[in-house]
Amino acid sequence: MTGPRKRHFWGIRAKLTVCFIGLMVIVTTLIDVAVFQIYRRDIEEKEMASMQAGSEILSDNIRNLISGIEQNLMSEINRSAVFAYLTGGYEPWAASVERKLKGLGTLMHFQGLECGNILVFDCNDHVFYCDYGWTGVGLSQFRQRTVYQEIVAKQERLFPARGCTLWRCYPDAPDEICIIKSYIDPVSLQDCGIVCLTIDREHLGTLLGEYNFDIRIEEEEGGPLYGSRKTEWTAGEDSGDYLITATEIYRRRGNWRLTSLIAKEEAFRDLSALMRMLIFAELLLGLVIVFIVRAITDGFLRNVTALAENFRRIHASQEVEKIQPHSHDETAYLCEEFDAMYSQLQENARQMISTNTLLAKAEYSALLAQMNPHFLYNSLETISAMAKLEKQDGIVRVIRMLSHLLRGSLSDGGQETTLAKELDYISCYLELQRMITGGRITWDIEVDRELYECMVPRLILQPIVENSILHGLDDMLDDAIVIITADVREGRLVLTVSDNGKGAKQEVLDALLSDEYLETDEESHAHIGIRSVLKRIHILYGADYGMTMESEPGNGMTVRVFLPYVEKKHEENIDRR
């Protein structure tokens, strides 16, 4: 007989550890998300408020700075007498004008503005140029620039009003800012011409001072004028990677736009450090939980392991060791009860061996005396009385059932009996099997009382039930069940025996019930009961009656026996063939 199939278990400690760690991960994740969102929102609001306030202050500073530069430029142009030849009515001398342009650059230097190139385009289309900042750009090269071409092409139309100043930055000279001034003589109010100064972009950043965020300045027409970063902004910066605010720089001839931004990575640097510390603390907490679970489960796991080891020893027919509980909980109670139960089972086994010895001796004596069934009944009653004196109620019950079965099988009551008696016999047989198997087999009989008086062959159900127990339910440790029902279908009595055992292949069952079935030596004993039932039905009632077997591996088996529907009171008048 094969032993019970080995089952693989997931350890209690592993389950508890996974449960605690999983719960901790869920809780800490929710906490982390909540903390991150709350702090992120708070930091973002504070950063935006701080940046907005800083932008407004910077906007005022830029307005004052630009206004100051423009006023100084107007004053120093007049002071350097760049256009004196126009108001004096004489022809310009290039060397003299260029010298005055250098003087203008020097005067602006004293005002804190470092000029690069200075260009004059007067009202008579005369052009004068000075490379004050030694940039290495000559007049011929300067003529190729966009600023020069716009001045020549548009002249006064370049300006929204007479005497105003434009600030421009062109793509062909992205590191320079052009200050383009429409100069009007303050005395004669004559349009003298246009003065263009270039300053280095970084120099303007020096004039603006320090601030805690990046900025971009756009002139009144929307063109970029200055950016605090070397690279231009991209569209990706507006997609969520930066915090951005915008402020107007108020000017008389069109407002400038000041855009301030700060990278979220920089703004949330402290938050990232906080979250890393929080996650590190949670990891430490996870390790602590693992150690706590291990400490808590150590005691009762020893108890459970000892119980499992003893079950293994029982299965291997080895001596069982007494368990010493390592904790004070339910597992300790199980260990104590196991030891007590095992001791009781050993005692019961010794008593059963003694009783079986008595039964064997009685059987041997009966054979020697060639006793008849009545003597066997009396002997069983004597053994039952002996067991009762020894207070072995279980053995008494088994002997009584066995005696009942022997009476049913040895009594000469004819070929048939009532269904009620057959069910009584099979109930006794199933109860005996339940006691023999330690209660792992249960059964259920559902038959209408109106069918109790129907005639059936004697011992027709016992071979079928025995086949279910021996070949279908033999490997089941628990929940094994046999169900017996009876009903009438198309004028025939149908007895059904079902079980939830391991089943069999349908082709094997069909071959077993076929007329061409050939028994081998190994199979003759295993299926003799089923074959005998089928043969008895054919002998008593003919080939119109018989039995079917339905099954598939793993889904139990259902056996149906088809008999004539004959009640006892009418049996003498009915031809069953």
Protein backbone atom coordinates (compact mmCIF):
# COMPACT_ATOMS: atom_id res chain seq x y z
CA MET A 1 0.00 0.00 0.00
CA THR A 2 1.40 3.37 -0.98
CA GLY A 3 1.87 6.01 1.71
CA PRO A 4 0.17 9.41 1.75
CA ARG A 5 1.40 11.86 -0.84
CA LYS A 6 3.92 14.30 0.57
CA ARG A 7 2.60 17.84 0.73
CA HIS A 8 4.75 20.91 0.58
CA PHE A 9 3.97 23.64 3.09
CA TRP A 10 4.91 27.28 3.32
CA GLY A 11 6.42 27.94 6.73
CA ILE A 12 4.46 29.84 9.39
CA ARG A 13 7.44 32.11 10.04
CA ALA A 14 7.71 32.94 6.34
CA LYS A 15 3.98 33.68 6.17
CA LEU A 16 4.08 35.97 9.20
CA THR A 17 7.19 37.73 7.94
CA VAL A 18 5.68 38.31 4.51
CA CYS A 19 2.40 39.50 6.04
CA PHE A 20 4.12 41.97 8.39
CA ILE A 21 6.52 43.20 5.72
CA GLY A 22 3.69 43.52 3.20
CA LEU A 23 1.54 45.44 5.68
CA MET A 24 4.49 47.66 6.57
CA VAL A 25 5.22 48.33 2.88
CA ILE A 26 1.60 49.28 2.22
CA VAL A 27 1.36 51.56 5.27
CA THR A 28 4.76 53.18 4.77
CA THR A 29 4.08 53.67 1.06
CA LEU A 30 0.84 55.48 1.86
CA ILE A 31 2.64 57.57 4.49
CA ASP A 32 5.53 58.33 2.13
CA VAL A 33 3.17 59.39 -0.63
CA ALA A 34 1.18 61.58 1.76
CA VAL A 35 4.32 63.16 3.25
CA PHE A 36 5.82 63.71 -0.20
CA GLN A 37 2.68 65.32 -1.59
CA ILE A 38 2.11 67.55 1.45
CA TYR A 39 5.72 68.73 1.70
CA ARG A 40 6.00 69.08 -2.06
CA ARG A 41 2.92 71.28 -2.23
CA ASP A 42 4.12 73.35 0.73
CA ILE A 43 7.62 73.80 -0.70
CA GLU A 44 6.22 74.65 -4.13
CA GLU A 45 3.89 77.28 -2.71
CA LYS A 46 6.68 78.83 -0.64
CA GLU A 47 9.15 78.76 -3.55
CA MET A 48 6.60 80.33 -5.89
CA ALA A 49 5.76 83.05 -3.36
CA SER A 50 9.43 83.75 -2.69
CA MET A 51 10.26 83.79 -6.39
CA GLN A 52 7.31 86.08 -7.16
CA ALA A 53 8.37 88.54 -4.48
CA GLY A 54 11.97 88.40 -5.68
CA SER A 55 10.85 88.90 -9.28
CA GLU A 56 8.87 92.02 -8.39
CA ILE A 57 11.87 93.50 -6.58
CA LEU A 58 14.16 92.55 -9.46
CA SER A 59 11.67 94.07 -11.93
CA ASP A 60 11.87 97.41 -10.11
CA ASN A 61 15.65 97.20 -10.02
CA ILE A 62 15.85 96.46 -13.76
CA ARG A 63 13.50 99.36 -14.55
CA ASN A 64 15.61 101.73 -12.49
CA LEU A 65 18.85 100.36 -13.97
CA ILE A 66 17.65 100.67 -17.58
CA SER A 67 16.23 104.15 -16.99
CA GLY A 68 19.50 105.24 -15.40
CA ILE A 69 21.57 103.90 -18.29
CA GLU A 70 19.34 105.63 -20.85
CA GLN A 71 19.50 108.97 -18.99
CA ASN A 72 23.28 108.69 -18.65
CA LEU A 73 23.60 107.84 -22.35
CA MET A 74 21.58 110.94 -23.34
CA SER A 75 23.62 113.11 -21.02
CA GLU A 76 27.00 111.74 -22.13
CA ILE A 77 26.18 112.03 -25.86
CA ASN A 78 25.42 115.67 -25.33
CA ARG A 79 28.50 116.12 -23.16
CA SER A 80 30.85 114.43 -25.67
CA ALA A 81 29.49 116.62 -28.51
CA VAL A 82 29.30 113.74 -30.94
CA PHE A 83 26.87 115.64 -33.18
CA ALA A 84 28.49 119.10 -32.79
CA TYR A 85 29.27 119.24 -36.51
CA LEU A 86 25.56 119.14 -37.26
CA THR A 87 24.57 121.90 -34.89
CA GLY A 88 27.70 123.92 -35.82
CA GLY A 89 27.04 123.69 -39.55
CA TYR A 90 30.44 122.34 -40.65
CA GLU A 91 31.50 119.21 -42.44
CA PRO A 92 32.23 116.21 -40.20
CA TRP A 93 35.80 115.01 -39.82
CA ALA A 94 35.88 111.25 -39.30
CA ALA A 95 38.90 111.22 -37.00
CA SER A 96 37.38 113.91 -34.82
CA VAL A 97 34.02 112.12 -34.57
CA GLU A 98 35.67 108.78 -33.79
CA ARG A 99 37.70 110.48 -31.06
CA LYS A 100 34.48 111.84 -29.60
CA LEU A 101 32.99 108.33 -29.77
CA LYS A 102 35.91 107.06 -27.70
CA GLY A 103 35.23 109.85 -25.29
CA LEU A 104 31.60 108.77 -25.13
CA GLY A 105 32.74 105.21 -24.34
CA THR A 106 35.00 106.54 -21.59
CA LEU A 107 32.20 108.65 -20.10
CA MET A 108 29.88 105.62 -20.10
CA HIS A 109 32.65 103.60 -18.46
CA PHE A 110 32.70 106.12 -15.65
CA GLN A 111 28.95 105.64 -15.38
CA GLY A 112 29.51 101.88 -14.91
CA LEU A 113 28.62 100.72 -18.44
CA GLU A 114 31.30 98.84 -20.39
CA CYS A 115 30.78 99.49 -24.11
CA GLY A 116 32.06 97.23 -26.89
CA ASN A 117 31.29 98.89 -30.24
CA ILE A 118 29.90 102.41 -30.82
CA LEU A 119 28.20 103.37 -34.07
CA VAL A 120 26.79 106.74 -35.21
CA PHE A 121 24.41 107.01 -38.17
CA ASP A 122 23.51 110.70 -38.57
CA CYS A 123 20.60 112.28 -40.35
CA ASN A 124 22.79 112.90 -43.42
CA ASP A 125 23.54 109.15 -43.70
CA HIS A 126 27.10 109.57 -42.48
CA VAL A 127 28.43 106.54 -40.59
CA PHE A 128 31.08 106.69 -37.86
CA TYR A 129 32.34 103.66 -35.93
CA CYS A 130 34.59 103.00 -32.95
CA ASP A 131 35.71 99.61 -31.56
CA TYR A 132 35.97 100.94 -28.03
CA GLY A 133 36.10 97.59 -26.26
CA TRP A 134 38.77 96.17 -28.58
CA THR A 135 36.44 93.40 -29.68
CA GLY A 136 38.26 93.00 -32.99
CA VAL A 137 35.13 93.82 -35.01
CA GLY A 138 35.76 96.40 -37.72
CA LEU A 139 33.23 98.59 -39.51
CA SER A 140 33.10 96.25 -42.50
CA GLN A 141 32.23 93.34 -40.24
CA PHE A 142 29.76 95.42 -38.25
CA ARG A 143 27.98 96.38 -41.50
CA GLN A 144 27.12 92.66 -41.94
CA ARG A 145 25.21 92.49 -38.68
CA THR A 146 21.45 92.59 -38.42
CA VAL A 147 21.48 95.64 -36.15
CA TYR A 148 23.34 97.76 -38.73
CA GLN A 149 21.08 96.63 -41.55
CA GLU A 150 17.95 97.50 -39.54
CA ILE A 151 19.32 100.94 -38.65
CA VAL A 152 20.16 101.73 -42.28
CA ALA A 153 16.90 100.30 -43.64
CA LYS A 154 14.47 101.80 -41.14
CA GLN A 155 16.39 104.71 -39.59
CA GLU A 156 13.89 106.78 -37.59
CA ARG A 157 11.07 104.38 -38.48
CA LEU A 158 12.82 101.90 -36.22
CA PHE A 159 11.64 103.84 -33.18
CA PRO A 160 8.08 104.13 -31.87
CA ALA A 161 8.74 107.78 -30.98
CA ARG A 162 11.40 110.46 -31.38
CA GLY A 163 14.23 110.37 -28.89
CA CYS A 164 13.44 106.93 -27.42
CA THR A 165 15.89 104.11 -26.77
CA LEU A 166 15.62 100.49 -27.94
CA TRP A 167 17.33 97.44 -26.44
CA ARG A 168 17.85 94.53 -28.79
CA CYS A 169 19.66 91.18 -28.98
CA TYR A 170 20.10 89.64 -32.45
CA PRO A 171 20.78 85.98 -33.33
CA ASP A 172 23.99 86.78 -35.25
CA ALA A 173 25.53 88.26 -32.06
CA PRO A 174 23.77 86.40 -29.21
CA ASP A 175 26.36 87.38 -26.59
CA GLU A 176 25.90 91.13 -27.16
CA ILE A 177 23.08 93.53 -26.34
CA CYS A 178 22.56 96.57 -28.59
CA ILE A 179 21.43 99.92 -27.08
CA ILE A 180 19.99 101.92 -29.97
CA LYS A 181 19.35 105.61 -29.18
CA SER A 182 17.45 108.12 -31.33
CA TYR A 183 19.26 111.36 -30.42
CA ILE A 184 17.50 114.75 -30.53
CA ASP A 185 19.48 117.91 -29.80
CA PRO A 186 18.06 119.24 -26.52
CA VAL A 187 18.45 122.87 -27.64
CA SER A 188 17.38 122.88 -31.27
CA LEU A 189 15.22 119.72 -31.03
CA GLN A 190 16.81 118.63 -34.28
CA ASP A 191 16.92 114.90 -35.13
CA CYS A 192 20.64 114.35 -35.20
CA GLY A 193 20.75 110.65 -35.86
CA ILE A 194 21.12 107.26 -34.23
CA VAL A 195 23.73 106.09 -31.72
CA CYS A 196 24.21 102.32 -31.23
CA LEU A 197 26.26 100.90 -28.36
CA THR A 198 26.91 97.18 -27.78
CA ILE A 199 27.50 95.75 -24.31
CA ASP A 200 28.44 92.24 -23.30
CA ARG A 201 25.53 90.10 -22.13
CA GLU A 202 27.41 88.95 -19.05
CA HIS A 203 28.12 92.59 -18.17
CA LEU A 204 24.39 93.24 -17.99
CA GLY A 205 24.09 90.24 -15.66
CA THR A 206 26.77 91.83 -13.45
CA LEU A 207 24.79 95.06 -13.38
CA LEU A 208 21.61 93.17 -12.41
CA GLY A 209 23.30 91.61 -9.36
CA GLU A 210 22.72 88.25 -7.69
CA TYR A 211 19.43 86.42 -7.21
CA ASN A 212 18.37 82.87 -6.26
CA PHE A 213 16.72 81.90 -9.53
CA ASP A 214 17.25 82.01 -13.28
CA ILE A 215 15.68 84.82 -15.29
CA ARG A 216 14.88 85.74 -18.85
CA ILE A 217 14.15 89.27 -20.07
CA GLU A 218 12.13 89.87 -23.21
CA GLU A 219 11.87 93.33 -24.78
CA GLU A 220 8.56 94.92 -25.71
CA GLU A 221 8.28 93.07 -29.02
CA GLY A 222 8.80 89.68 -27.34
CA GLY A 223 12.35 89.11 -28.51
CA PRO A 224 14.82 87.60 -26.05
CA LEU A 225 17.10 90.21 -24.52
CA TYR A 226 18.86 88.48 -21.66
CA GLY A 227 18.95 85.08 -20.01
CA SER A 228 20.89 84.17 -16.90
CA ARG A 229 21.73 80.75 -18.33
CA LYS A 230 24.04 80.07 -21.23
CA THR A 231 21.55 77.82 -23.02
CA GLU A 232 18.18 79.03 -24.20
CA TRP A 233 15.07 77.67 -22.58
CA THR A 234 13.27 74.79 -24.24
CA ALA A 235 9.63 73.81 -24.36
CA GLY A 236 10.38 70.96 -21.98
CA GLU A 237 11.01 73.43 -19.20
CA ASP A 238 7.35 74.42 -19.25
CA SER A 239 6.19 70.79 -18.99
CA GLY A 240 6.71 70.40 -15.27
CA ASP A 241 10.46 70.35 -14.67
CA TYR A 242 10.58 73.97 -13.45
CA LEU A 243 8.68 76.40 -11.25
CA ILE A 244 7.99 79.54 -13.34
CA THR A 245 6.64 83.03 -12.63
CA ALA A 246 6.27 86.04 -14.93
CA THR A 247 6.45 89.77 -14.04
CA GLU A 248 6.09 92.93 -16.11
CA ILE A 249 8.92 95.51 -16.27
CA TYR A 250 7.05 98.76 -16.83
CA ARG A 251 8.42 101.13 -19.50
CA ARG A 252 6.99 104.18 -21.21
CA ARG A 253 7.17 102.77 -24.74
CA GLY A 254 6.12 99.17 -24.07
CA ASN A 255 6.60 96.84 -21.11
CA TRP A 256 9.28 94.22 -20.92
CA ARG A 257 8.60 90.73 -19.59
CA LEU A 258 10.67 89.20 -16.79
CA THR A 259 10.32 85.44 -16.48
CA SER A 260 11.80 83.75 -13.40
CA LEU A 261 12.26 80.03 -12.94
CA ILE A 262 13.92 77.50 -10.70
CA ALA A 263 14.46 73.78 -11.37
CA LYS A 264 12.17 71.58 -9.31
CA GLU A 265 15.10 69.26 -8.72
CA GLU A 266 16.88 72.12 -6.97
CA ALA A 267 13.77 73.40 -5.20
CA PHE A 268 12.92 69.94 -3.85
CA ARG A 269 16.49 68.96 -2.96
CA ASP A 270 15.74 69.04 0.77
CA LEU A 271 12.55 67.04 0.21
CA SER A 272 14.49 64.37 -1.67
CA ALA A 273 16.97 64.14 1.19
CA LEU A 274 14.07 63.83 3.66
CA MET A 275 12.45 61.03 1.63
CA ARG A 276 15.75 59.14 1.41
CA MET A 277 16.13 59.35 5.19
CA LEU A 278 12.53 58.22 5.64
CA ILE A 279 12.98 55.23 3.33
CA PHE A 280 16.20 54.29 5.13
CA ALA A 281 14.38 54.42 8.46
CA GLU A 282 11.61 52.22 7.03
CA LEU A 283 14.16 49.66 5.85
CA LEU A 284 15.62 49.56 9.35
CA LEU A 285 12.09 49.11 10.69
CA GLY A 286 11.59 46.19 8.29
CA LEU A 287 14.73 44.49 9.65
CA VAL A 288 13.49 45.05 13.20
CA ILE A 289 10.14 43.47 12.28
CA VAL A 290 11.92 40.43 10.83
CA PHE A 291 13.86 39.95 14.07
CA ILE A 292 10.71 40.46 16.16
CA VAL A 293 8.76 37.89 14.11
CA ARG A 294 11.63 35.45 14.44
CA ALA A 295 11.76 35.93 18.21
CA ILE A 296 7.96 35.58 18.59
CA THR A 297 7.65 32.50 16.40
CA ASP A 298 10.72 30.66 17.70
CA GLY A 299 8.91 28.91 20.58
CA PHE A 300 5.74 27.67 18.90
CA LEU A 301 7.60 26.79 15.68
CA ARG A 302 9.72 24.37 17.67
CA ASN A 303 6.52 22.79 18.94
CA VAL A 304 5.03 22.54 15.44
CA THR A 305 8.30 21.16 14.05
CA ALA A 306 8.39 18.50 16.79
CA LEU A 307 4.80 17.49 15.98
CA ALA A 308 5.62 17.23 12.27
CA GLU A 309 8.70 15.13 13.04
CA ASN A 310 6.66 12.72 15.16
CA PHE A 311 4.09 12.33 12.39
CA ARG A 312 6.94 11.51 10.03
CA ARG A 313 8.22 8.91 12.51
CA ILE A 314 4.76 7.35 12.76
CA HIS A 315 4.56 7.11 8.97
CA ALA A 316 8.02 5.51 8.89
CA SER A 317 7.07 3.07 11.71
CA GLN A 318 9.70 4.55 14.00
CA GLU A 319 9.60 5.22 17.71
CA VAL A 320 7.93 8.52 18.57
CA GLU A 321 9.78 10.88 20.91
CA LYS A 322 8.07 12.71 23.75
CA ILE A 323 7.68 16.41 22.97
CA GLN A 324 8.95 19.04 25.40
CA PRO A 325 6.95 22.27 24.71
CA HIS A 326 9.09 25.40 24.15
CA SER A 327 6.29 27.94 24.62
CA HIS A 328 3.15 28.53 26.66
CA ASP A 329 0.47 28.77 23.99
CA GLU A 330 -1.94 26.63 21.97
CA THR A 331 0.89 24.69 20.31
CA ALA A 332 2.09 23.54 23.71
CA TYR A 333 -1.43 22.21 24.38
CA LEU A 334 -1.33 20.37 21.04
CA CYS A 335 1.99 18.76 21.95
CA GLU A 336 0.64 17.58 25.30
CA GLU A 337 -2.55 16.24 23.70
CA PHE A 338 -0.51 14.47 21.01
CA ASP A 339 1.59 12.69 23.61
CA ALA A 340 -1.54 11.66 25.52
CA MET A 341 -3.31 10.51 22.35
CA TYR A 342 -0.30 8.51 21.19
CA SER A 343 -0.03 6.79 24.56
CA GLN A 344 -3.74 5.94 24.42
CA LEU A 345 -3.40 4.59 20.87
CA GLN A 346 -0.53 2.36 21.96
CA GLU A 347 -2.64 1.01 24.79
CA ASN A 348 -5.60 0.44 22.45
CA ALA A 349 -3.32 -1.32 20.00
CA ARG A 350 -2.07 -3.67 22.69
CA GLN A 351 -5.64 -4.43 23.71
CA MET A 352 -6.69 -5.00 20.11
CA ILE A 353 -3.76 -7.35 19.57
CA SER A 354 -4.87 -9.27 22.63
CA THR A 355 -8.44 -9.32 21.41
CA ASN A 356 -7.40 -10.39 17.91
CA THR A 357 -5.41 -13.24 19.43
CA LEU A 358 -8.55 -14.41 21.20
CA LEU A 359 -10.52 -14.12 17.97
CA ALA A 360 -7.89 -16.10 16.05
CA LYS A 361 -7.91 -18.82 18.65
CA ALA A 362 -11.67 -18.96 18.57
CA GLU A 363 -11.66 -19.18 14.77
CA TYR A 364 -9.04 -21.92 14.86
CA SER A 365 -11.09 -23.88 17.38
CA ALA A 366 -14.18 -23.39 15.28
CA LEU A 367 -12.45 -24.76 12.19
CA LEU A 368 -11.20 -27.74 14.10
CA ALA A 369 -14.67 -28.47 15.32
CA GLN A 370 -16.13 -27.82 11.82
CA MET A 371 -18.59 -25.57 13.52
CA ASN A 372 -21.74 -24.48 11.75
CA PRO A 373 -22.88 -20.83 11.48
CA HIS A 374 -24.92 -21.06 14.68
CA PHE A 375 -21.83 -22.07 16.67
CA LEU A 376 -19.92 -19.14 15.06
CA TYR A 377 -22.65 -16.71 16.14
CA ASN A 378 -22.46 -18.03 19.70
CA SER A 379 -18.66 -17.73 19.73
CA LEU A 380 -18.85 -14.09 18.59
CA GLU A 381 -21.39 -13.37 21.29
CA THR A 382 -18.99 -14.90 23.83
CA ILE A 383 -16.09 -12.69 22.60
CA SER A 384 -18.39 -9.67 22.69
CA ALA A 385 -19.26 -10.44 26.29
CA MET A 386 -15.56 -10.77 27.16
CA ALA A 387 -14.79 -7.40 25.56
CA LYS A 388 -17.72 -5.85 27.35
CA LEU A 389 -16.37 -7.13 30.67
CA GLU A 390 -13.06 -5.46 29.77
CA LYS A 391 -15.04 -2.27 28.99
CA GLN A 392 -13.93 -2.29 25.36
CA ASP A 393 -17.10 -0.78 23.92
CA GLY A 394 -15.55 -0.18 20.53
CA ILE A 395 -14.60 -3.81 20.12
CA VAL A 396 -18.02 -4.89 21.32
CA ARG A 397 -19.61 -2.75 18.63
CA VAL A 398 -17.31 -4.10 15.92
CA ILE A 399 -18.06 -7.72 16.89
CA ARG A 400 -21.78 -7.09 16.89
CA MET A 401 -21.58 -5.58 13.41
CA LEU A 402 -19.45 -8.46 12.19
CA SER A 403 -21.96 -10.91 13.64
CA HIS A 404 -24.74 -9.07 11.86
CA LEU A 405 -22.84 -9.23 8.59
CA LEU A 406 -22.15 -12.95 9.01
CA ARG A 407 -25.83 -13.64 9.64
CA GLY A 408 -26.72 -11.70 6.51
CA SER A 409 -24.16 -13.47 4.32
CA LEU A 410 -24.58 -17.04 5.71
CA SER A 411 -28.32 -17.17 6.26
CA ASP A 412 -30.22 -19.21 3.73
CA GLY A 413 -32.91 -16.70 2.79
CA GLY A 414 -33.04 -17.28 -0.96
CA GLN A 415 -31.56 -15.34 -3.87
CA GLU A 416 -33.41 -12.10 -3.13
CA THR A 417 -34.24 -9.85 -0.24
CA THR A 418 -35.98 -6.52 0.32
CA LEU A 419 -34.20 -3.27 -0.39
CA ALA A 420 -34.69 -2.28 3.26
CA LYS A 421 -32.75 -5.35 4.47
CA GLU A 422 -30.05 -4.80 1.85
CA LEU A 423 -29.65 -1.18 2.98
CA ASP A 424 -29.51 -2.29 6.60
CA TYR A 425 -26.77 -4.77 5.71
CA ILE A 426 -24.73 -2.22 3.73
CA SER A 427 -25.14 0.39 6.49
CA CYS A 428 -23.65 -2.08 8.95
CA TYR A 429 -20.81 -2.80 6.50
CA LEU A 430 -20.07 0.93 6.01
CA GLU A 431 -20.11 1.57 9.74
CA LEU A 432 -17.62 -1.26 10.20
CA GLN A 433 -15.42 0.24 7.46
CA ARG A 434 -15.62 3.66 9.09
CA MET A 435 -14.39 2.22 12.38
CA ILE A 436 -11.64 0.23 10.67
CA THR A 437 -10.37 3.33 8.79
CA GLY A 438 -10.43 5.56 11.82
CA GLY A 439 -13.44 7.59 10.71
CA ARG A 440 -12.00 8.84 7.42
CA ILE A 441 -14.88 7.35 5.42
CA THR A 442 -18.44 8.68 5.69
CA TRP A 443 -21.56 7.72 3.77
CA ASP A 444 -25.04 8.91 2.98
CA ILE A 445 -28.07 6.78 1.99
CA GLU A 446 -31.00 8.60 0.38
CA VAL A 447 -33.83 6.18 -0.50
CA ASP A 448 -37.57 6.86 -0.52
CA ARG A 449 -39.41 4.64 2.01
CA GLU A 450 -41.86 3.62 -0.73
CA LEU A 451 -39.03 1.60 -2.29
CA TYR A 452 -38.09 -0.31 0.87
CA GLU A 453 -40.23 -3.33 -0.09
CA CYS A 454 -38.70 -3.67 -3.57
CA MET A 455 -36.95 -6.99 -4.16
CA VAL A 456 -33.22 -6.97 -4.97
CA PRO A 457 -30.54 -9.69 -5.15
CA ARG A 458 -28.97 -10.46 -1.77
CA LEU A 459 -25.59 -8.74 -1.15
CA ILE A 460 -25.89 -6.78 -4.41
CA LEU A 461 -24.44 -3.51 -3.00
CA GLN A 462 -21.61 -4.83 -0.82
CA PRO A 463 -19.16 -5.72 -3.65
CA ILE A 464 -19.72 -2.30 -5.29
CA VAL A 465 -19.18 -0.38 -2.05
CA GLU A 466 -16.15 -2.53 -1.26
CA ASN A 467 -14.71 -1.70 -4.70
CA SER A 468 -15.18 2.04 -4.02
CA ILE A 469 -13.42 1.81 -0.66
CA LEU A 470 -10.52 -0.39 -1.78
CA HIS A 471 -9.81 1.14 -5.21
CA GLY A 472 -11.26 4.64 -5.07
CA LEU A 473 -10.93 5.96 -1.52
CA ASP A 474 -7.83 4.06 -0.38
CA ASP A 475 -5.45 7.06 -0.67
CA MET A 476 -7.77 9.67 0.81
CA LEU A 477 -6.87 10.70 4.35
CA ASP A 478 -10.12 12.56 4.99
CA ASP A 479 -13.41 13.73 3.37
CA ALA A 480 -13.93 10.30 1.71
CA ILE A 481 -17.65 9.70 1.13
CA VAL A 482 -19.90 7.03 -0.38
CA ILE A 483 -23.44 8.00 -1.45
CA ILE A 484 -26.18 5.40 -2.12
CA THR A 485 -29.48 6.34 -3.75
CA ALA A 486 -32.42 4.49 -5.33
CA ASP A 487 -35.15 5.60 -7.74
CA VAL A 488 -37.41 4.26 -10.49
CA ARG A 489 -36.68 5.07 -14.12
CA GLU A 490 -38.77 3.81 -17.05
CA GLY A 491 -40.20 0.96 -14.99
CA ARG A 492 -36.81 -0.19 -13.65
CA LEU A 493 -35.34 0.11 -10.17
CA VAL A 494 -32.00 1.98 -10.33
CA LEU A 495 -29.52 1.66 -7.45
CA THR A 496 -26.69 4.24 -7.58
CA VAL A 497 -23.42 4.08 -5.66
CA SER A 498 -21.17 7.17 -5.95
CA ASP A 499 -17.86 8.09 -4.37
CA ASN A 500 -15.44 11.04 -4.51
CA GLY A 501 -12.33 8.88 -4.89
CA LYS A 502 -9.53 8.95 -7.43
CA GLY A 503 -11.67 7.49 -10.22
CA ALA A 504 -10.49 5.50 -13.21
CA LYS A 505 -10.27 5.73 -17.00
CA GLN A 506 -13.64 5.22 -18.68
CA GLU A 507 -12.23 2.85 -21.29
CA VAL A 508 -10.97 0.54 -18.53
CA LEU A 509 -14.44 0.47 -16.91
CA ASP A 510 -16.17 -0.15 -20.25
CA ALA A 511 -13.81 -3.08 -20.91
CA LEU A 512 -14.48 -4.48 -17.41
CA LEU A 513 -18.24 -4.66 -18.07
CA SER A 514 -17.97 -5.98 -21.63
CA ASP A 515 -18.66 -9.60 -22.54
CA GLU A 516 -15.20 -9.89 -24.14
CA TYR A 517 -13.40 -8.95 -20.91
CA LEU A 518 -10.41 -11.24 -20.20
CA GLU A 519 -9.15 -11.32 -16.64
CA THR A 520 -5.45 -11.57 -15.91
CA ASP A 521 -4.11 -13.23 -12.78
CA GLU A 522 -3.39 -9.82 -11.24
CA GLU A 523 -6.81 -8.37 -12.03
CA SER A 524 -8.97 -11.41 -11.28
CA HIS A 525 -9.07 -10.79 -7.55
CA ALA A 526 -9.35 -6.97 -7.84
CA HIS A 527 -12.51 -7.10 -10.02
CA ILE A 528 -14.13 -10.39 -9.04
CA GLY A 529 -16.80 -8.61 -7.00
CA ILE A 530 -17.91 -6.31 -9.82
CA ARG A 531 -17.96 -9.13 -12.35
CA SER A 532 -19.92 -11.37 -9.97
CA VAL A 533 -22.59 -8.70 -9.48
CA LEU A 534 -23.04 -8.34 -13.23
CA LYS A 535 -23.24 -12.11 -13.72
CA ARG A 536 -25.78 -12.58 -10.92
CA ILE A 537 -28.03 -9.87 -12.45
CA HIS A 538 -27.89 -11.54 -15.86
CA ILE A 539 -28.61 -14.96 -14.34
CA LEU A 540 -31.58 -13.73 -12.29
CA TYR A 541 -33.16 -11.22 -14.66
CA GLY A 542 -31.62 -11.60 -18.09
CA ALA A 543 -29.49 -9.39 -20.35
CA ASP A 544 -32.03 -6.52 -20.29
CA TYR A 545 -30.76 -5.63 -16.83
CA GLY A 546 -27.24 -4.99 -15.63
CA MET A 547 -25.00 -2.16 -14.49
CA THR A 548 -22.97 0.84 -15.73
CA MET A 549 -19.81 2.51 -14.40
CA GLU A 550 -18.96 6.19 -15.09
CA SER A 551 -15.75 7.90 -14.04
CA GLU A 552 -12.71 9.92 -15.01
CA PRO A 553 -9.37 10.16 -13.20
CA GLY A 554 -9.55 12.42 -10.16
CA ASN A 555 -13.35 12.91 -10.19
CA GLY A 556 -14.73 9.84 -8.38
CA MET A 557 -16.93 7.06 -9.75
CA THR A 558 -20.68 6.43 -10.17
CA VAL A 559 -22.03 2.84 -10.48
CA ARG A 560 -25.68 2.28 -11.46
CA VAL A 561 -27.45 -1.11 -11.08
CA PHE A 562 -30.60 -1.64 -13.17
CA LEU A 563 -33.13 -4.18 -11.72
CA PRO A 564 -36.80 -5.07 -12.23
CA TYR A 565 -39.13 -2.85 -10.21
CA VAL A 566 -40.90 -5.53 -8.13
CA GLU A 567 -42.39 -5.14 -4.67
CA LYS A 568 -42.42 -8.01 -2.20
CA LYS A 569 -46.17 -8.53 -2.10
CA HIS A 570 -46.35 -8.98 -5.89
CA GLU A 571 -43.19 -10.95 -6.43
CA GLU A 572 -44.96 -14.32 -6.83
CA ASN A 573 -47.00 -13.09 -9.82
CA ILE A 574 -44.28 -11.35 -11.90
CA ASP A 575 -41.99 -12.94 -14.47
CA ARG A 576 -38.73 -11.00 -14.15
CA ARG A 577 -37.13 -12.54 -17.19
